[in-house]
């Protein structure tokens, strides 16, 4: 594998990378490789993260919420033959 060196990283960027590494419990090297792979579309993890961003919206309807939604959307299930002439 090839090694690369990046010079003159701005302090604000370096701080963000260090925080990301600490947050994920990874080394700086692994964190930078992960960020680069994701930015270049080489990582499947980006898809997983997108899903994770919506987990709080999936499968959490109560019975009451589902019933309200079903009742509110019943009108979309009816077909008016006049619309198809």
PDB file of N, CA and C in Angstrom:
ATOM      1  N   UNK A   1       0.834  -1.189   0.000  1.00  0.00           N
ATOM      2  CA  UNK A   1       0.000   0.000   0.000  1.00  0.00           C
ATOM      3  C   UNK A   1       0.870   1.240   0.000  1.00  0.00           C
ATOM      4  N   UNK A   2       0.352   2.251  -0.596  1.00  0.00           N
ATOM      5  CA  UNK A   2       1.083   3.500  -0.725  1.00  0.00           C
ATOM      6  C   UNK A   2       0.855   4.390   0.484  1.00  0.00           C
ATOM      7  N   UNK A   3       1.890   5.095   0.904  1.00  0.00           N
ATOM      8  CA  UNK A   3       1.777   6.072   1.988  1.00  0.00           C
ATOM      9  C   UNK A   3       1.803   7.469   1.393  1.00  0.00           C
ATOM     10  N   UNK A   4       1.016   8.361   1.980  1.00  0.00           N
ATOM     11  CA  UNK A   4       0.968   9.747   1.521  1.00  0.00           C
ATOM     12  C   UNK A   4       1.116  10.667   2.728  1.00  0.00           C
ATOM     13  N   UNK A   5       1.635  11.849   2.467  1.00  0.00           N
ATOM     14  CA  UNK A   5       1.780  12.847   3.517  1.00  0.00           C
ATOM     15  C   UNK A   5       1.023  14.095   3.096  1.00  0.00           C
ATOM     16  N   UNK A   6       0.283  14.662   4.022  1.00  0.00           N
ATOM     17  CA  UNK A   6      -0.440  15.900   3.744  1.00  0.00           C
ATOM     18  C   UNK A   6       0.176  16.994   4.615  1.00  0.00           C
ATOM     19  N   UNK A   7       0.605  18.057   3.973  1.00  0.00           N
ATOM     20  CA  UNK A   7       1.246  19.156   4.691  1.00  0.00           C
ATOM     21  C   UNK A   7       0.275  20.300   4.938  1.00  0.00           C
ATOM     22  N   UNK A   8       0.538  21.056   5.966  1.00  0.00           N
ATOM     23  CA  UNK A   8      -0.157  22.312   6.270  1.00  0.00           C
ATOM     24  C   UNK A   8      -1.677  22.159   6.403  1.00  0.00           C
ATOM     25  N   UNK A   9      -2.099  21.224   7.224  1.00  0.00           N
ATOM     26  CA  UNK A   9      -3.532  21.070   7.489  1.00  0.00           C
ATOM     27  C   UNK A   9      -3.941  22.176   8.455  1.00  0.00           C
ATOM     28  N   UNK A  10      -4.980  22.896   8.095  1.00  0.00           N
ATOM     29  CA  UNK A  10      -5.450  23.995   8.942  1.00  0.00           C
ATOM     30  C   UNK A  10      -5.894  23.453  10.296  1.00  0.00           C
ATOM     31  N   UNK A  11      -5.631  24.218  11.360  1.00  0.00           N
ATOM     32  CA  UNK A  11      -5.981  23.762  12.705  1.00  0.00           C
ATOM     33  C   UNK A  11      -7.454  23.381  12.869  1.00  0.00           C
ATOM     34  N   UNK A  12      -8.355  24.120  12.239  1.00  0.00           N
ATOM     35  CA  UNK A  12      -9.782  23.804  12.380  1.00  0.00           C
ATOM     36  C   UNK A  12     -10.104  22.441  11.763  1.00  0.00           C
ATOM     37  N   UNK A  13      -9.493  22.127  10.621  1.00  0.00           N
ATOM     38  CA  UNK A  13      -9.695  20.830   9.978  1.00  0.00           C
ATOM     39  C   UNK A  13      -9.061  19.720  10.811  1.00  0.00           C
ATOM     40  N   UNK A  14      -7.860  19.972  11.301  1.00  0.00           N
ATOM     41  CA  UNK A  14      -7.172  18.979  12.135  1.00  0.00           C
ATOM     42  C   UNK A  14      -7.999  18.667  13.380  1.00  0.00           C
ATOM     43  N   UNK A  15      -8.579  19.697  13.985  1.00  0.00           N
ATOM     44  CA  UNK A  15      -9.407  19.491  15.181  1.00  0.00           C
ATOM     45  C   UNK A  15     -10.632  18.645  14.868  1.00  0.00           C
ATOM     46  N   UNK A  16     -11.266  18.912  13.739  1.00  0.00           N
ATOM     47  CA  UNK A  16     -12.443  18.123  13.348  1.00  0.00           C
ATOM     48  C   UNK A  16     -12.085  16.656  13.117  1.00  0.00           C
ATOM     49  N   UNK A  17     -10.961  16.422  12.467  1.00  0.00           N
ATOM     50  CA  UNK A  17     -10.520  15.051  12.216  1.00  0.00           C
ATOM     51  C   UNK A  17     -10.200  14.348  13.537  1.00  0.00           C
ATOM     52  N   UNK A  18      -9.517  15.045  14.421  1.00  0.00           N
ATOM     53  CA  UNK A  18      -9.187  14.463  15.727  1.00  0.00           C
ATOM     54  C   UNK A  18     -10.449  14.145  16.529  1.00  0.00           C
ATOM     55  N   UNK A  19     -11.439  15.031  16.490  1.00  0.00           N
ATOM     56  CA  UNK A  19     -12.697  14.781  17.203  1.00  0.00           C
ATOM     57  C   UNK A  19     -13.432  13.581  16.615  1.00  0.00           C
ATOM     58  N   UNK A  20     -13.423  13.483  15.290  1.00  0.00           N
ATOM     59  CA  UNK A  20     -14.075  12.350  14.622  1.00  0.00           C
ATOM     60  C   UNK A  20     -13.395  11.036  15.008  1.00  0.00           C
ATOM     61  N   UNK A  21     -12.077  11.044  15.052  1.00  0.00           N
ATOM     62  CA  UNK A  21     -11.323   9.843  15.433  1.00  0.00           C
ATOM     63  C   UNK A  21     -11.649   9.446  16.867  1.00  0.00           C
ATOM     64  N   UNK A  22     -11.679  10.424  17.740  1.00  0.00           N
ATOM     65  CA  UNK A  22     -11.978  10.151  19.147  1.00  0.00           C
ATOM     66  C   UNK A  22     -13.413   9.644  19.323  1.00  0.00           C
ATOM     67  N   UNK A  23     -14.327  10.267  18.621  1.00  0.00           N
ATOM     68  CA  UNK A  23     -15.738   9.885  18.714  1.00  0.00           C
ATOM     69  C   UNK A  23     -15.942   8.424  18.299  1.00  0.00           C
ATOM     70  N   UNK A  24     -15.220   7.996  17.259  1.00  0.00           N
ATOM     71  CA  UNK A  24     -15.381   6.636  16.736  1.00  0.00           C
ATOM     72  C   UNK A  24     -14.376   5.644  17.315  1.00  0.00           C
ATOM     73  N   UNK A  25     -13.476   6.126  18.171  1.00  0.00           N
ATOM     74  CA  UNK A  25     -12.476   5.241  18.762  1.00  0.00           C
ATOM     75  C   UNK A  25     -11.498   4.690  17.743  1.00  0.00           C
ATOM     76  N   UNK A  26     -11.162   5.508  16.752  1.00  0.00           N
ATOM     77  CA  UNK A  26     -10.245   5.086  15.699  1.00  0.00           C
ATOM     78  C   UNK A  26      -8.979   5.933  15.722  1.00  0.00           C
ATOM     79  N   UNK A  27      -7.941   5.419  15.092  1.00  0.00           N
ATOM     80  CA  UNK A  27      -6.714   6.201  14.947  1.00  0.00           C
ATOM     81  C   UNK A  27      -6.955   7.317  13.936  1.00  0.00           C
ATOM     82  N   UNK A  28      -6.065   8.306  13.945  1.00  0.00           N
ATOM     83  CA  UNK A  28      -6.176   9.381  12.955  1.00  0.00           C
ATOM     84  C   UNK A  28      -6.041   8.815  11.543  1.00  0.00           C
ATOM     85  N   UNK A  29      -5.121   7.881  11.353  1.00  0.00           N
ATOM     86  CA  UNK A  29      -4.906   7.279  10.045  1.00  0.00           C
ATOM     87  C   UNK A  29      -6.172   6.595   9.537  1.00  0.00           C
ATOM     88  N   UNK A  30      -6.800   5.757  10.375  1.00  0.00           N
ATOM     89  CA  UNK A  30      -8.025   5.070   9.960  1.00  0.00           C
ATOM     90  C   UNK A  30      -9.159   6.054   9.713  1.00  0.00           C
ATOM     91  N   UNK A  31      -9.221   7.088  10.534  1.00  0.00           N
ATOM     92  CA  UNK A  31     -10.272   8.091  10.375  1.00  0.00           C
ATOM     93  C   UNK A  31     -10.129   8.823   9.053  1.00  0.00           C
ATOM     94  N   UNK A  32      -8.921   9.229   8.718  1.00  0.00           N
ATOM     95  CA  UNK A  32      -8.685   9.948   7.465  1.00  0.00           C
ATOM     96  C   UNK A  32      -8.981   9.045   6.270  1.00  0.00           C
ATOM     97  N   UNK A  33      -8.570   7.762   6.341  1.00  0.00           N
ATOM     98  CA  UNK A  33      -8.866   6.831   5.259  1.00  0.00           C
ATOM     99  C   UNK A  33     -10.372   6.632   5.099  1.00  0.00           C
ATOM    100  N   UNK A  34     -11.071   6.556   6.218  1.00  0.00           N
ATOM    101  CA  UNK A  34     -12.522   6.386   6.184  1.00  0.00           C
ATOM    102  C   UNK A  34     -13.200   7.612   5.563  1.00  0.00           C
ATOM    103  N   UNK A  35     -12.753   8.798   5.949  1.00  0.00           N
ATOM    104  CA  UNK A  35     -13.317  10.043   5.411  1.00  0.00           C
ATOM    105  C   UNK A  35     -13.062  10.136   3.910  1.00  0.00           C
ATOM    106  N   UNK A  36     -11.861   9.834   3.490  1.00  0.00           N
ATOM    107  CA  UNK A  36     -11.526   9.901   2.063  1.00  0.00           C
ATOM    108  C   UNK A  36     -12.335   8.877   1.257  1.00  0.00           C
ATOM    109  N   UNK A  37     -12.437   7.652   1.759  1.00  0.00           N
ATOM    110  CA  UNK A  37     -13.198   6.624   1.048  1.00  0.00           C
ATOM    111  C   UNK A  37     -14.658   7.036   0.912  1.00  0.00           C
ATOM    112  N   UNK A  38     -15.216   7.578   1.968  1.00  0.00           N
ATOM    113  CA  UNK A  38     -16.611   8.016   1.936  1.00  0.00           C
ATOM    114  C   UNK A  38     -16.797   9.177   0.959  1.00  0.00           C
ATOM    115  N   UNK A  39     -15.904  10.143   1.000  1.00  0.00           N
ATOM    116  CA  UNK A  39     -16.003  11.312   0.122  1.00  0.00           C
ATOM    117  C   UNK A  39     -15.866  10.942  -1.346  1.00  0.00           C
ATOM    118  N   UNK A  40     -15.123   9.880  -1.619  1.00  0.00           N
ATOM    119  CA  UNK A  40     -14.900   9.466  -3.004  1.00  0.00           C
ATOM    120  C   UNK A  40     -15.866   8.369  -3.452  1.00  0.00           C
ATOM    121  N   UNK A  41     -16.825   8.048  -2.603  1.00  0.00           N
ATOM    122  CA  UNK A  41     -17.842   7.065  -2.965  1.00  0.00           C
ATOM    123  C   UNK A  41     -17.361   5.629  -2.937  1.00  0.00           C
ATOM    124  N   UNK A  42     -16.309   5.361  -2.191  1.00  0.00           N
ATOM    125  CA  UNK A  42     -15.762   4.011  -2.126  1.00  0.00           C
ATOM    126  C   UNK A  42     -16.226   3.239  -0.899  1.00  0.00           C
ATOM    127  N   UNK A  43     -17.022   3.877  -0.091  1.00  0.00           N
ATOM    128  CA  UNK A  43     -17.439   3.267   1.167  1.00  0.00           C
ATOM    129  C   UNK A  43     -18.920   2.969   1.157  1.00  0.00           C
ATOM    130  N   UNK A  44     -19.296   1.759   1.547  1.00  0.00           N
ATOM    131  CA  UNK A  44     -20.707   1.408   1.664  1.00  0.00           C
ATOM    132  C   UNK A  44     -21.284   1.965   2.954  1.00  0.00           C
ATOM    133  N   UNK A  45     -20.435   2.367   3.855  1.00  0.00           N
ATOM    134  CA  UNK A  45     -20.892   2.852   5.154  1.00  0.00           C
ATOM    135  C   UNK A  45     -21.769   4.090   5.018  1.00  0.00           C
ATOM    136  N   UNK A  46     -21.540   4.873   3.970  1.00  0.00           N
ATOM    137  CA  UNK A  46     -22.350   6.069   3.762  1.00  0.00           C
ATOM    138  C   UNK A  46     -23.822   5.709   3.635  1.00  0.00           C
ATOM    139  N   UNK A  47     -24.121   4.631   2.928  1.00  0.00           N
ATOM    140  CA  UNK A  47     -25.497   4.170   2.790  1.00  0.00           C
ATOM    141  C   UNK A  47     -26.062   3.775   4.143  1.00  0.00           C
ATOM    142  N   UNK A  48     -25.271   3.064   4.915  1.00  0.00           N
ATOM    143  CA  UNK A  48     -25.701   2.647   6.243  1.00  0.00           C
ATOM    144  C   UNK A  48     -25.984   3.870   7.106  1.00  0.00           C
ATOM    145  N   UNK A  49     -25.110   4.862   7.031  1.00  0.00           N
ATOM    146  CA  UNK A  49     -25.306   6.067   7.838  1.00  0.00           C
ATOM    147  C   UNK A  49     -26.568   6.821   7.428  1.00  0.00           C
ATOM    148  N   UNK A  50     -26.878   6.835   6.137  1.00  0.00           N
ATOM    149  CA  UNK A  50     -28.101   7.498   5.707  1.00  0.00           C
ATOM    150  C   UNK A  50     -29.312   6.818   6.326  1.00  0.00           C
ATOM    151  N   UNK A  51     -29.299   5.510   6.325  1.00  0.00           N
ATOM    152  CA  UNK A  51     -30.399   4.782   6.949  1.00  0.00           C
ATOM    153  C   UNK A  51     -30.482   5.107   8.427  1.00  0.00           C
ATOM    154  N   UNK A  52     -29.332   5.143   9.050  1.00  0.00           N
ATOM    155  CA  UNK A  52     -29.300   5.401  10.494  1.00  0.00           C
ATOM    156  C   UNK A  52     -29.890   6.777  10.812  1.00  0.00           C
ATOM    157  N   UNK A  53     -29.709   7.714   9.900  1.00  0.00           N
ATOM    158  CA  UNK A  53     -30.251   9.058  10.110  1.00  0.00           C
ATOM    159  C   UNK A  53     -31.771   9.074  10.182  1.00  0.00           C
ATOM    160  N   UNK A  54     -32.425   8.042   9.637  1.00  0.00           N
ATOM    161  CA  UNK A  54     -33.879   8.008   9.598  1.00  0.00           C
ATOM    162  C   UNK A  54     -34.473   6.936  10.509  1.00  0.00           C
ATOM    163  N   UNK A  55     -33.639   6.277  11.309  1.00  0.00           N
ATOM    164  CA  UNK A  55     -34.127   5.212  12.174  1.00  0.00           C
ATOM    165  C   UNK A  55     -35.234   5.682  13.106  1.00  0.00           C
ATOM    166  N   UNK A  56     -35.124   6.907  13.570  1.00  0.00           N
ATOM    167  CA  UNK A  56     -36.134   7.400  14.508  1.00  0.00           C
ATOM    168  C   UNK A  56     -37.488   7.614  13.840  1.00  0.00           C
ATOM    169  N   UNK A  57     -37.537   7.563  12.514  1.00  0.00           N
ATOM    170  CA  UNK A  57     -38.796   7.755  11.801  1.00  0.00           C
ATOM    171  C   UNK A  57     -39.402   6.442  11.316  1.00  0.00           C
ATOM    172  N   UNK A  58     -38.684   5.356  11.444  1.00  0.00           N
ATOM    173  CA  UNK A  58     -39.132   4.075  10.878  1.00  0.00           C
ATOM    174  C   UNK A  58     -39.726   3.149  11.933  1.00  0.00           C
ATOM    175  N   UNK A  59     -40.896   2.632  11.629  1.00  0.00           N
ATOM    176  CA  UNK A  59     -41.497   1.598  12.455  1.00  0.00           C
ATOM    177  C   UNK A  59     -41.893   2.016  13.846  1.00  0.00           C
ATOM    178  N   UNK A  60     -42.151   3.269  14.055  1.00  0.00           N
ATOM    179  CA  UNK A  60     -42.444   3.721  15.405  1.00  0.00           C
ATOM    180  C   UNK A  60     -43.876   4.206  15.592  1.00  0.00           C
ATOM    181  N   UNK A  61     -44.738   3.929  14.639  1.00  0.00           N
ATOM    182  CA  UNK A  61     -46.113   4.369  14.776  1.00  0.00           C
ATOM    183  C   UNK A  61     -46.829   3.520  15.817  1.00  0.00           C
ATOM    184  N   UNK A  62     -47.584   4.189  16.629  1.00  0.00           N
ATOM    185  CA  UNK A  62     -48.443   3.447  17.548  1.00  0.00           C
ATOM    186  C   UNK A  62     -49.663   2.973  16.755  1.00  0.00           C
ATOM    187  N   UNK A  63     -50.439   2.108  17.336  1.00  0.00           N
ATOM    188  CA  UNK A  63     -51.679   1.635  16.698  1.00  0.00           C
ATOM    189  C   UNK A  63     -52.571   2.831  16.394  1.00  0.00           C
ATOM    190  N   UNK A  64     -52.641   3.761  17.353  1.00  0.00           N
ATOM    191  CA  UNK A  64     -53.471   4.957  17.185  1.00  0.00           C
ATOM    192  C   UNK A  64     -52.981   5.790  15.987  1.00  0.00           C
ATOM    193  N   UNK A  65     -51.660   5.994  15.902  1.00  0.00           N
ATOM    194  CA  UNK A  65     -51.094   6.758  14.787  1.00  0.00           C
ATOM    195  C   UNK A  65     -51.393   6.085  13.446  1.00  0.00           C
ATOM    196  N   UNK A  66     -51.245   4.774  13.401  1.00  0.00           N
ATOM    197  CA  UNK A  66     -51.501   4.031  12.166  1.00  0.00           C
ATOM    198  C   UNK A  66     -52.968   4.138  11.760  1.00  0.00           C
ATOM    199  N   UNK A  67     -53.855   4.043  12.735  1.00  0.00           N
ATOM    200  CA  UNK A  67     -55.284   4.158  12.443  1.00  0.00           C
ATOM    201  C   UNK A  67     -55.631   5.551  11.913  1.00  0.00           C
ATOM    202  N   UNK A  68     -55.060   6.570  12.514  1.00  0.00           N
ATOM    203  CA  UNK A  68     -55.300   7.951  12.067  1.00  0.00           C
ATOM    204  C   UNK A  68     -54.801   8.119  10.635  1.00  0.00           C
ATOM    205  N   UNK A  69     -53.596   7.618  10.362  1.00  0.00           N
ATOM    206  CA  UNK A  69     -53.048   7.732   9.008  1.00  0.00           C
ATOM    207  C   UNK A  69     -53.928   6.999   8.001  1.00  0.00           C
ATOM    208  N   UNK A  70     -54.317   5.779   8.361  1.00  0.00           N
ATOM    209  CA  UNK A  70     -55.143   4.993   7.447  1.00  0.00           C
ATOM    210  C   UNK A  70     -56.448   5.711   7.146  1.00  0.00           C
ATOM    211  N   UNK A  71     -57.091   6.239   8.178  1.00  0.00           N
ATOM    212  CA  UNK A  71     -58.351   6.962   7.988  1.00  0.00           C
ATOM    213  C   UNK A  71     -58.142   8.214   7.128  1.00  0.00           C
ATOM    214  N   UNK A  72     -57.051   8.923   7.379  1.00  0.00           N
ATOM    215  CA  UNK A  72     -56.765  10.161   6.640  1.00  0.00           C
ATOM    216  C   UNK A  72     -56.443   9.899   5.175  1.00  0.00           C
ATOM    217  N   UNK A  73     -55.930   8.712   4.865  1.00  0.00           N
ATOM    218  CA  UNK A  73     -55.521   8.445   3.487  1.00  0.00           C
ATOM    219  C   UNK A  73     -56.496   7.542   2.736  1.00  0.00           C
ATOM    220  N   UNK A  74     -57.631   7.209   3.338  1.00  0.00           N
ATOM    221  CA  UNK A  74     -58.627   6.356   2.675  1.00  0.00           C
ATOM    222  C   UNK A  74     -59.101   6.944   1.356  1.00  0.00           C
ATOM    223  N   UNK A  75     -59.216   8.265   1.287  1.00  0.00           N
ATOM    224  CA  UNK A  75     -59.714   8.906   0.069  1.00  0.00           C
ATOM    225  C   UNK A  75     -58.821   8.620  -1.140  1.00  0.00           C
ATOM    226  N   UNK A  76     -57.545   8.313  -0.908  1.00  0.00           N
ATOM    227  CA  UNK A  76     -56.634   8.028  -2.016  1.00  0.00           C
ATOM    228  C   UNK A  76     -56.822   6.620  -2.559  1.00  0.00           C
ATOM    229  N   UNK A  77     -57.583   5.793  -1.863  1.00  0.00           N
ATOM    230  CA  UNK A  77     -57.825   4.420  -2.288  1.00  0.00           C
ATOM    231  C   UNK A  77     -59.040   4.324  -3.203  1.00  0.00           C
ATOM    232  N   UNK A  78     -59.893   5.348  -3.200  1.00  0.00           N
ATOM    233  CA  UNK A  78     -61.099   5.334  -4.028  1.00  0.00           C
ATOM    234  C   UNK A  78     -60.760   5.741  -5.459  1.00  0.00           C
ATOM    235  N   UNK A  79     -61.348   5.039  -6.391  1.00  0.00           N
ATOM    236  CA  UNK A  79     -61.135   5.351  -7.808  1.00  0.00           C
ATOM    237  C   UNK A  79     -62.430   5.916  -8.372  1.00  0.00           C
ATOM    238  N   UNK A  80     -62.327   7.083  -8.959  1.00  0.00           N
ATOM    239  CA  UNK A  80     -63.478   7.714  -9.589  1.00  0.00           C
ATOM    240  C   UNK A  80     -63.429   7.380 -11.080  1.00  0.00           C
ATOM    241  N   UNK A  81     -64.387   6.578 -11.542  1.00  0.00           N
ATOM    242  CA  UNK A  81     -64.378   6.189 -12.972  1.00  0.00           C
ATOM    243  C   UNK A  81     -64.378   7.386 -13.912  1.00  0.00           C
ATOM    244  N   UNK A  82     -64.927   8.505 -13.467  1.00  0.00           N
ATOM    245  CA  UNK A  82     -64.963   9.704 -14.325  1.00  0.00           C
ATOM    246  C   UNK A  82     -63.553  10.225 -14.634  1.00  0.00           C
ATOM    247  N   UNK A  83     -62.614   9.966 -13.705  1.00  0.00           N
ATOM    248  CA  UNK A  83     -61.241  10.417 -13.931  1.00  0.00           C
ATOM    249  C   UNK A  83     -60.546   9.651 -15.042  1.00  0.00           C
ATOM    250  N   UNK A  84     -61.096   8.509 -15.447  1.00  0.00           N
ATOM    251  CA  UNK A  84     -60.456   7.645 -16.417  1.00  0.00           C
ATOM    252  C   UNK A  84     -61.150   7.659 -17.776  1.00  0.00           C
ATOM    253  N   UNK A  85     -62.002   8.612 -17.995  1.00  0.00           N
ATOM    254  CA  UNK A  85     -62.697   8.728 -19.288  1.00  0.00           C
ATOM    255  C   UNK A  85     -61.976   9.688 -20.194  1.00  0.00           C
TER     256      UNK A  85
END
